[in-house]
Amino acid sequence: MTIELKVPEVGESITEVLIGTWKKREGEGVAADDSVVEIESDKATVELPAPAAGTISRILKASGEKAIVGEVIGYLEPAGAAAPAAARTPPAAPAATPTPAPAPAARVMPAAARVLGEAGVPAAAASGTGPGGRITKTDALQAASRAAPPTPRQPPAAPAAKAAAAPLSPVAGGTRDERYVLISPIRRRIAERLVEAQHQAALLTTFNEVDMSAVMALRGKFKDQFLERYGVKLGFMSFFVRAAVEALRAVPQVNAEYRDPHVVYRDYYDIGIAVGGGKGLVVPVIRNAELLSFAQIEQTIGEFARRAAENKLKLEELQGGTFTISNGGVYGSMLSTPIINPPQSGILGLHAIQDRPMAVGGQVVVRPMMYLALSYDHRLVDGREAVTFLKRIKDTIEDPTRLMLEV
């Protein structure tokens, strides 16, 4: 019996999704629980597994098309069952003279419809080569080029009495093509939240710098022992997570939320860590970071980064959070002003470590320095609190033994 492939529930209040990459094509066999297609929402990307072994007999929704939760997007023919194509397709009514049917509008992909509309070419003029006979953008471009009128021949120019300067020749080999790519739901949601933060919060950023010598020396001294004992490398992020927890304890306003007419103070510390994912920047949350050891923090971050690259983070792992840390230094950023993740009140920006000459004890010495940036909601956090917070981070990182590293 043919099995319907339906859009699963992907999160509370989410009703519409975008069909991502189909991992299997029509006619291709699948094993039970094989990933069939990616389903993209505005919060996460999930994979739809095959409910049974069989063959993908038909794809109803192509990549890039929208669908609603519960909608049938394809069919799976279980192993051993007869091909369902004839059973599902009713016989055509007899006609005296068969004529080709025009391509229905529902079979035209959004980007293809845009190309055809701009060129004034009907959909019937394009041949669909996409899944299920859908008309793709490439099909539309080919139809538009076939329908384009020839360029009229220009009459020869009249001879000039005096030779004019030769015009500049265009650069050979260059193209001016444009590509239309649908915005993913995650990217759209990121954009909405960034604009929301700019409009609803009173954002301000303050800076400091930290000498990374002590952390680098401590890390170099214990990295082999740490790796052998915990099976994970000792990175810089765990130091900053622990330092942030100490700073948030000292300045609770940065860990609070403005919820008019109240300010909500939290006695727990859920730290979001911004990581680059396959669909864009995502911020999974380390729950109760104050209870975790360095090893547990490093293991959690490593697992988040691995699954973010594979688009396998769970929706609940991306929700909540009381404070965020973003490390632009891994991409070479020297200084930036990060934007808070609402409704949070603060975000700590880390940057690249660079050797710089510093005045230490009346002498000029070269030290590995990092700029720190704290962006905060000025409705809750005043400048004094922001400076105090960053100073606490600086003092902790420059004297990391106070964190009592478990080695």
Protein backbone atom coordinates (compact mmCIF):
# COMPACT_ATOMS: atom_id res chain seq x y z
CA MET A 1 0.00 0.00 0.00
CA THR A 2 1.40 3.38 -1.01
CA ILE A 3 2.72 5.44 1.93
CA GLU A 4 2.25 9.18 2.02
CA LEU A 5 5.26 11.30 2.94
CA LYS A 6 3.91 14.17 5.02
CA VAL A 7 5.49 17.30 6.49
CA PRO A 8 6.07 16.50 10.18
CA GLU A 9 5.53 18.77 13.17
CA VAL A 10 8.70 20.86 13.43
CA GLY A 11 7.91 23.05 16.41
CA GLU A 12 5.22 24.84 18.30
CA SER A 13 3.38 27.54 16.30
CA ILE A 14 5.18 26.60 13.06
CA THR A 15 2.66 25.88 10.29
CA GLU A 16 4.62 26.54 7.09
CA VAL A 17 7.97 25.11 6.00
CA LEU A 18 10.26 25.14 3.00
CA ILE A 19 11.17 21.94 1.20
CA GLY A 20 14.92 21.57 1.28
CA THR A 21 17.15 19.09 -0.50
CA TRP A 22 15.62 15.80 -1.58
CA LYS A 23 18.13 13.12 -0.59
CA LYS A 24 16.34 10.55 -2.76
CA ARG A 25 14.97 10.90 -6.30
CA GLU A 26 11.89 9.40 -7.91
CA GLY A 27 12.45 5.71 -8.58
CA GLU A 28 15.29 5.49 -6.06
CA GLY A 29 15.17 2.86 -3.34
CA VAL A 30 15.40 3.66 0.36
CA ALA A 31 15.86 1.68 3.54
CA ALA A 32 13.72 2.23 6.60
CA ASP A 33 14.76 5.40 8.48
CA ASP A 34 16.89 6.66 5.59
CA SER A 35 16.80 10.44 5.27
CA VAL A 36 14.48 11.28 2.37
CA VAL A 37 14.23 15.08 2.35
CA GLU A 38 15.22 18.10 4.44
CA ILE A 39 12.41 20.21 5.91
CA GLU A 40 13.40 23.80 6.72
CA SER A 41 11.55 25.98 9.22
CA ASP A 42 12.41 29.40 10.57
CA LYS A 43 14.09 27.82 13.59
CA ALA A 44 15.76 24.60 12.44
CA THR A 45 16.23 22.10 9.65
CA VAL A 46 14.95 18.57 10.21
CA GLU A 47 15.18 15.45 8.09
CA LEU A 48 12.18 13.35 7.14
CA PRO A 49 13.05 9.64 7.50
CA ALA A 50 11.58 6.91 5.34
CA PRO A 51 8.86 5.14 7.40
CA ALA A 52 9.64 1.84 5.65
CA ALA A 53 11.91 0.33 3.03
CA GLY A 54 10.78 0.84 -0.53
CA THR A 55 10.99 3.16 -3.52
CA ILE A 56 10.26 6.87 -3.87
CA SER A 57 7.48 6.64 -6.43
CA ARG A 58 6.54 10.29 -6.73
CA ILE A 59 7.69 13.73 -5.51
CA LEU A 60 4.92 16.31 -5.20
CA LYS A 61 6.86 19.23 -3.75
CA ALA A 62 10.24 20.13 -5.23
CA SER A 63 13.14 21.77 -3.39
CA GLY A 64 12.44 25.42 -2.73
CA GLU A 65 8.66 25.07 -2.60
CA LYS A 66 6.58 25.89 0.46
CA ALA A 67 4.39 23.38 2.26
CA ILE A 68 2.26 23.28 5.38
CA VAL A 69 2.58 20.90 8.30
CA GLY A 70 0.74 17.65 7.53
CA GLU A 71 0.76 18.19 3.75
CA VAL A 72 1.66 15.24 1.50
CA ILE A 73 4.88 16.04 -0.36
CA GLY A 74 5.59 12.64 -1.90
CA TYR A 75 4.80 8.95 -2.04
CA LEU A 76 6.76 5.89 -1.00
CA GLU A 77 5.98 2.48 -2.48
CA PRO A 78 6.85 -0.19 0.10
CA ALA A 79 9.27 -2.92 -0.92
CA GLY A 80 7.52 -5.73 -2.81
CA ALA A 81 4.50 -3.64 -3.82
CA ALA A 82 3.51 -3.00 -7.41
CA ALA A 83 4.36 0.30 -9.01
CA PRO A 84 1.60 2.74 -8.09
CA ALA A 85 1.91 5.14 -10.98
CA ALA A 86 -0.83 3.58 -13.10
CA ALA A 87 -3.13 3.17 -10.11
CA ARG A 88 -2.78 6.79 -9.09
CA THR A 89 -3.03 8.29 -12.56
CA PRO A 90 -6.56 8.10 -14.00
CA PRO A 91 -6.82 7.19 -17.69
CA ALA A 92 -7.07 10.13 -20.04
CA ALA A 93 -10.43 10.82 -21.64
CA PRO A 94 -10.56 9.78 -25.31
CA ALA A 95 -10.21 12.63 -27.76
CA ALA A 96 -10.64 12.77 -31.49
CA THR A 97 -7.47 14.74 -31.99
CA PRO A 98 -4.89 14.59 -29.18
CA THR A 99 -3.36 17.98 -28.42
CA PRO A 100 -0.58 18.81 -25.99
CA ALA A 101 -1.86 20.25 -22.71
CA PRO A 102 -0.38 23.55 -21.52
CA ALA A 103 1.91 23.36 -18.52
CA PRO A 104 -0.25 24.11 -15.45
CA ALA A 105 0.78 27.03 -13.30
CA ALA A 106 1.15 24.78 -10.26
CA ARG A 107 4.04 23.01 -11.98
CA VAL A 108 6.09 26.19 -12.44
CA MET A 109 8.78 26.84 -9.81
CA PRO A 110 8.73 30.35 -8.28
CA ALA A 111 12.04 31.42 -9.84
CA ALA A 112 10.90 30.07 -13.22
CA ALA A 113 7.61 31.96 -12.99
CA ARG A 114 9.55 35.17 -12.36
CA VAL A 115 11.75 34.63 -15.43
CA LEU A 116 8.78 33.78 -17.66
CA GLY A 117 6.81 36.78 -16.40
CA GLU A 118 9.65 39.21 -17.05
CA ALA A 119 10.16 37.80 -20.55
CA GLY A 120 6.43 37.74 -21.36
CA VAL A 121 6.63 34.06 -22.23
CA PRO A 122 3.70 31.73 -21.38
CA ALA A 123 4.42 28.70 -19.20
CA ALA A 124 3.20 26.43 -22.00
CA ALA A 125 6.27 27.42 -24.04
CA ALA A 126 8.63 25.85 -21.50
CA SER A 127 9.42 22.16 -21.14
CA GLY A 128 9.61 20.93 -17.55
CA THR A 129 12.70 18.89 -16.67
CA GLY A 130 12.40 19.12 -12.88
CA PRO A 131 10.91 16.53 -10.51
CA GLY A 132 7.43 15.53 -11.61
CA GLY A 133 7.77 17.56 -14.81
CA ARG A 134 8.07 20.87 -13.00
CA ILE A 135 9.41 23.87 -14.89
CA THR A 136 12.70 25.02 -13.39
CA LYS A 137 14.47 28.34 -13.79
CA THR A 138 16.81 26.76 -16.38
CA ASP A 139 13.79 25.62 -18.40
CA ALA A 140 12.33 29.13 -18.21
CA LEU A 141 15.59 30.76 -19.34
CA GLN A 142 15.77 28.42 -22.33
CA ALA A 143 12.17 29.19 -23.28
CA ALA A 144 12.80 32.93 -22.92
CA SER A 145 15.89 32.74 -25.13
CA ARG A 146 13.94 30.87 -27.83
CA ALA A 147 11.18 33.46 -27.74
CA ALA A 148 13.52 36.49 -27.75
CA PRO A 149 13.23 38.50 -31.02
CA PRO A 150 16.39 38.87 -33.11
CA THR A 151 18.40 42.02 -32.56
CA PRO A 152 17.63 44.47 -35.39
CA ARG A 153 20.49 45.23 -37.74
CA GLN A 154 21.75 48.80 -37.41
CA PRO A 155 22.32 50.85 -40.55
CA PRO A 156 25.93 51.78 -41.29
CA ALA A 157 27.06 55.05 -39.77
CA ALA A 158 27.67 58.00 -42.08
CA PRO A 159 31.36 58.70 -42.74
CA ALA A 160 32.73 61.33 -40.42
CA ALA A 161 34.77 64.21 -41.68
CA LYS A 162 37.28 63.70 -38.92
CA ALA A 163 38.22 60.43 -37.26
CA ALA A 164 36.85 60.15 -33.73
CA ALA A 165 38.66 58.55 -30.81
CA ALA A 166 38.17 54.77 -30.65
CA PRO A 167 35.66 53.71 -27.96
CA LEU A 168 36.86 51.68 -25.00
CA SER A 169 36.54 47.95 -25.57
CA PRO A 170 34.53 45.98 -22.98
CA VAL A 171 36.41 43.53 -20.81
CA ALA A 172 36.39 40.16 -22.52
CA GLY A 173 35.05 37.12 -20.71
CA GLY A 174 33.01 38.96 -18.07
CA THR A 175 29.37 38.14 -17.34
CA ARG A 176 26.57 40.09 -15.69
CA ASP A 177 24.34 37.18 -14.77
CA GLU A 178 22.07 37.37 -11.75
CA ARG A 179 20.85 34.43 -9.70
CA TYR A 180 17.64 34.33 -7.69
CA VAL A 181 17.83 32.14 -4.59
CA LEU A 182 14.92 31.86 -2.16
CA ILE A 183 15.72 33.04 1.35
CA SER A 184 15.72 30.09 3.72
CA PRO A 185 13.30 30.24 6.65
CA ILE A 186 16.21 30.26 9.10
CA ARG A 187 17.91 33.18 7.31
CA ARG A 188 14.61 35.06 7.19
CA ARG A 189 14.06 34.52 10.92
CA ILE A 190 17.61 35.66 11.70
CA ALA A 191 16.97 38.85 9.73
CA GLU A 192 13.68 39.47 11.52
CA ARG A 193 15.21 39.04 14.97
CA LEU A 194 18.18 41.29 14.21
CA VAL A 195 15.87 44.06 13.04
CA GLU A 196 13.64 43.42 16.05
CA ALA A 197 16.62 43.88 18.37
CA GLN A 198 17.55 47.17 16.70
CA HIS A 199 13.99 48.51 16.94
CA GLN A 200 12.97 47.34 20.42
CA ALA A 201 16.13 47.58 22.52
CA ALA A 202 18.34 50.54 23.42
CA LEU A 203 21.58 49.00 22.16
CA LEU A 204 24.99 50.17 23.24
CA THR A 205 28.44 48.54 23.03
CA THR A 206 31.43 48.98 25.33
CA PHE A 207 34.92 47.55 24.84
CA ASN A 208 37.93 46.30 26.73
CA GLU A 209 40.97 44.22 25.95
CA VAL A 210 42.41 41.17 27.63
CA ASP A 211 45.90 39.72 27.81
CA MET A 212 45.61 36.07 26.79
CA SER A 213 49.10 35.09 28.02
CA ALA A 214 47.98 33.31 31.18
CA VAL A 215 45.19 31.32 29.50
CA MET A 216 47.47 30.32 26.62
CA ALA A 217 50.19 29.20 29.04
CA LEU A 218 47.72 27.23 31.17
CA ARG A 219 46.17 25.67 28.09
CA GLY A 220 49.57 24.71 26.71
CA LYS A 221 50.63 23.18 30.03
CA PHE A 222 47.58 20.97 30.52
CA LYS A 223 46.23 20.35 27.01
CA ASP A 224 47.69 16.85 26.65
CA GLN A 225 46.56 15.76 30.11
CA PHE A 226 43.13 17.30 29.52
CA LEU A 227 42.70 15.51 26.18
CA GLU A 228 43.82 12.17 27.64
CA ARG A 229 41.47 12.44 30.62
CA TYR A 230 38.35 13.85 28.97
CA GLY A 231 38.73 12.91 25.31
CA VAL A 232 38.25 16.50 24.14
CA LYS A 233 40.62 19.39 23.39
CA LEU A 234 40.81 22.28 25.81
CA GLY A 235 39.76 25.41 23.92
CA PHE A 236 39.41 29.08 24.79
CA MET A 237 35.60 29.10 24.77
CA SER A 238 35.26 27.12 28.00
CA PHE A 239 37.37 29.73 29.80
CA PHE A 240 35.08 32.50 28.54
CA VAL A 241 31.90 30.58 29.39
CA ARG A 242 33.09 30.12 32.97
CA ALA A 243 34.29 33.73 33.15
CA ALA A 244 30.92 34.92 31.81
CA VAL A 245 29.07 32.98 34.51
CA GLU A 246 31.19 34.68 37.19
CA ALA A 247 30.63 38.10 35.61
CA LEU A 248 26.86 37.50 35.32
CA ARG A 249 26.74 36.59 39.00
CA ALA A 250 28.46 39.88 39.79
CA VAL A 251 26.26 41.93 37.42
CA PRO A 252 22.84 40.21 37.33
CA GLN A 253 21.32 42.94 35.12
CA VAL A 254 23.17 41.50 32.12
CA ASN A 255 21.50 38.13 32.75
CA ALA A 256 18.04 39.70 33.13
CA GLU A 257 15.16 40.38 30.74
CA TYR A 258 13.15 43.56 30.27
CA ARG A 259 9.52 42.44 30.43
CA ASP A 260 7.46 45.59 30.94
CA PRO A 261 6.35 46.38 33.64
CA HIS A 262 8.89 44.02 35.22
CA VAL A 263 12.54 43.14 35.06
CA VAL A 264 13.02 39.37 35.22
CA TYR A 265 16.21 38.35 37.04
CA ARG A 266 17.46 34.80 36.60
CA ASP A 267 19.45 32.72 39.05
CA TYR A 268 20.55 30.27 36.39
CA TYR A 269 22.90 30.77 33.44
CA ASP A 270 21.95 29.38 30.04
CA ILE A 271 24.73 30.51 27.73
CA GLY A 272 24.13 30.60 23.98
CA ILE A 273 27.17 29.92 21.80
CA ALA A 274 27.00 31.31 18.26
CA VAL A 275 28.22 28.71 15.74
CA GLY A 276 28.20 28.63 11.98
CA GLY A 277 25.74 26.05 10.63
CA GLY A 278 24.95 24.68 7.21
CA LYS A 279 22.03 27.14 6.85
CA GLY A 280 23.57 30.11 8.64
CA LEU A 281 24.56 31.27 12.10
CA VAL A 282 22.73 29.45 14.88
CA VAL A 283 22.92 29.83 18.66
CA PRO A 284 22.52 26.55 20.58
CA VAL A 285 22.26 26.96 24.35
CA ILE A 286 24.40 25.42 27.09
CA ARG A 287 21.88 24.88 29.90
CA ASN A 288 22.93 25.61 33.48
CA ALA A 289 26.49 26.40 32.47
CA GLU A 290 27.27 27.24 36.11
CA LEU A 291 27.02 23.51 36.96
CA LEU A 292 29.33 22.26 34.22
CA SER A 293 33.06 21.53 34.31
CA PHE A 294 35.49 22.70 31.65
CA ALA A 295 35.36 19.26 30.05
CA GLN A 296 31.56 19.21 29.95
CA ILE A 297 31.47 22.66 28.40
CA GLU A 298 34.01 21.70 25.73
CA GLN A 299 32.19 18.45 24.96
CA THR A 300 28.87 20.28 24.63
CA ILE A 301 30.29 22.95 22.34
CA GLY A 302 32.00 20.36 20.16
CA GLU A 303 28.79 18.38 19.80
CA PHE A 304 26.83 21.53 18.94
CA ALA A 305 29.35 22.52 16.26
CA ARG A 306 29.30 19.05 14.69
CA ARG A 307 25.52 18.84 14.50
CA ALA A 308 25.16 22.46 13.38
CA ALA A 309 27.32 21.68 10.35
CA GLU A 310 25.02 18.74 9.57
CA ASN A 311 21.81 20.75 10.22
CA LYS A 312 20.87 18.30 12.97
CA LEU A 313 20.41 20.59 15.94
CA LYS A 314 17.12 20.12 17.75
CA LEU A 315 14.64 22.96 17.98
CA GLU A 316 14.68 23.01 21.78
CA GLU A 317 18.48 23.40 21.74
CA LEU A 318 18.12 26.73 19.93
CA GLN A 319 15.49 28.23 22.21
CA GLY A 320 15.86 30.15 25.43
CA GLY A 321 19.22 31.32 26.67
CA THR A 322 19.96 34.14 29.10
CA PHE A 323 23.22 35.41 27.58
CA THR A 324 25.18 34.82 24.36
CA ILE A 325 28.85 34.60 23.42
CA SER A 326 29.88 35.14 19.79
CA ASN A 327 33.45 34.44 18.67
CA GLY A 328 34.14 36.37 15.49
CA GLY A 329 37.85 35.84 16.09
CA VAL A 330 37.70 32.39 14.50
CA TYR A 331 36.99 34.18 11.20
CA GLY A 332 39.71 36.80 11.75
CA SER A 333 37.54 39.62 13.10
CA MET A 334 39.58 42.13 15.10
CA LEU A 335 36.71 44.27 16.41
CA SER A 336 32.92 44.30 16.05
CA THR A 337 29.70 45.41 17.74
CA PRO A 338 27.54 42.28 18.11
CA ILE A 339 23.75 42.55 18.23
CA ILE A 340 21.90 41.02 21.18
CA ASN A 341 19.63 38.03 20.74
CA PRO A 342 16.25 39.30 22.05
CA PRO A 343 14.87 39.09 24.68
CA GLN A 344 18.35 38.73 26.15
CA SER A 345 20.03 41.86 27.49
CA GLY A 346 23.66 41.21 26.57
CA ILE A 347 26.07 39.51 24.20
CA LEU A 348 29.83 39.15 24.54
CA GLY A 349 31.88 39.42 21.36
CA LEU A 350 35.29 37.73 21.21
CA HIS A 351 37.85 38.61 18.56
CA ALA A 352 41.14 37.51 17.06
CA ILE A 353 44.19 37.18 19.27
CA GLN A 354 47.00 39.40 17.98
CA ASP A 355 50.48 40.17 19.31
CA ARG A 356 50.64 43.85 20.24
CA PRO A 357 53.17 46.00 22.11
CA MET A 358 51.90 46.73 25.63
CA ALA A 359 53.27 48.78 28.51
CA VAL A 360 53.87 46.37 31.43
CA GLY A 361 55.72 47.52 34.55
CA GLY A 362 57.19 50.48 32.74
CA GLN A 363 58.50 48.30 29.91
CA VAL A 364 57.18 47.77 26.41
CA VAL A 365 56.53 44.06 25.86
CA VAL A 366 54.70 42.10 23.18
CA ARG A 367 51.63 40.28 24.45
CA PRO A 368 48.83 38.23 22.79
CA MET A 369 45.86 40.56 23.12
CA MET A 370 42.16 40.18 22.36
CA TYR A 371 39.51 42.89 22.15
CA LEU A 372 36.27 42.20 24.02
CA ALA A 373 32.94 43.82 23.12
CA LEU A 374 29.79 43.78 25.25
CA SER A 375 26.60 44.90 23.51
CA TYR A 376 23.77 45.42 25.95
CA ASP A 377 20.25 46.75 26.36
CA HIS A 378 20.63 50.16 27.97
CA ARG A 379 17.09 49.91 29.37
CA LEU A 380 18.42 47.44 31.96
CA VAL A 381 22.18 47.85 31.94
CA ASP A 382 23.93 51.15 32.61
CA GLY A 383 27.46 51.99 31.56
CA ARG A 384 28.81 51.29 35.03
CA GLU A 385 27.41 47.75 35.01
CA ALA A 386 28.69 47.12 31.48
CA VAL A 387 32.21 48.24 32.34
CA THR A 388 32.13 46.23 35.58
CA PHE A 389 31.04 43.14 33.66
CA LEU A 390 33.84 43.41 31.10
CA LYS A 391 36.40 44.16 33.80
CA ARG A 392 35.34 41.00 35.62
CA ILE A 393 35.80 38.98 32.40
CA LYS A 394 39.23 40.56 31.89
CA ASP A 395 40.40 39.87 35.45
CA THR A 396 39.22 36.26 35.31
CA ILE A 397 40.87 35.50 31.98
CA GLU A 398 44.14 37.18 32.98
CA ASP A 399 44.18 35.12 36.21
CA PRO A 400 42.42 31.87 35.19
CA THR A 401 43.61 29.90 38.23
CA ARG A 402 40.69 31.40 40.13
CA LEU A 403 38.39 29.26 38.00
CA MET A 404 39.90 26.11 39.57
CA LEU A 405 40.44 24.22 36.34
CA GLU A 406 39.76 20.48 36.77
CA VAL A 407 42.95 18.77 35.54
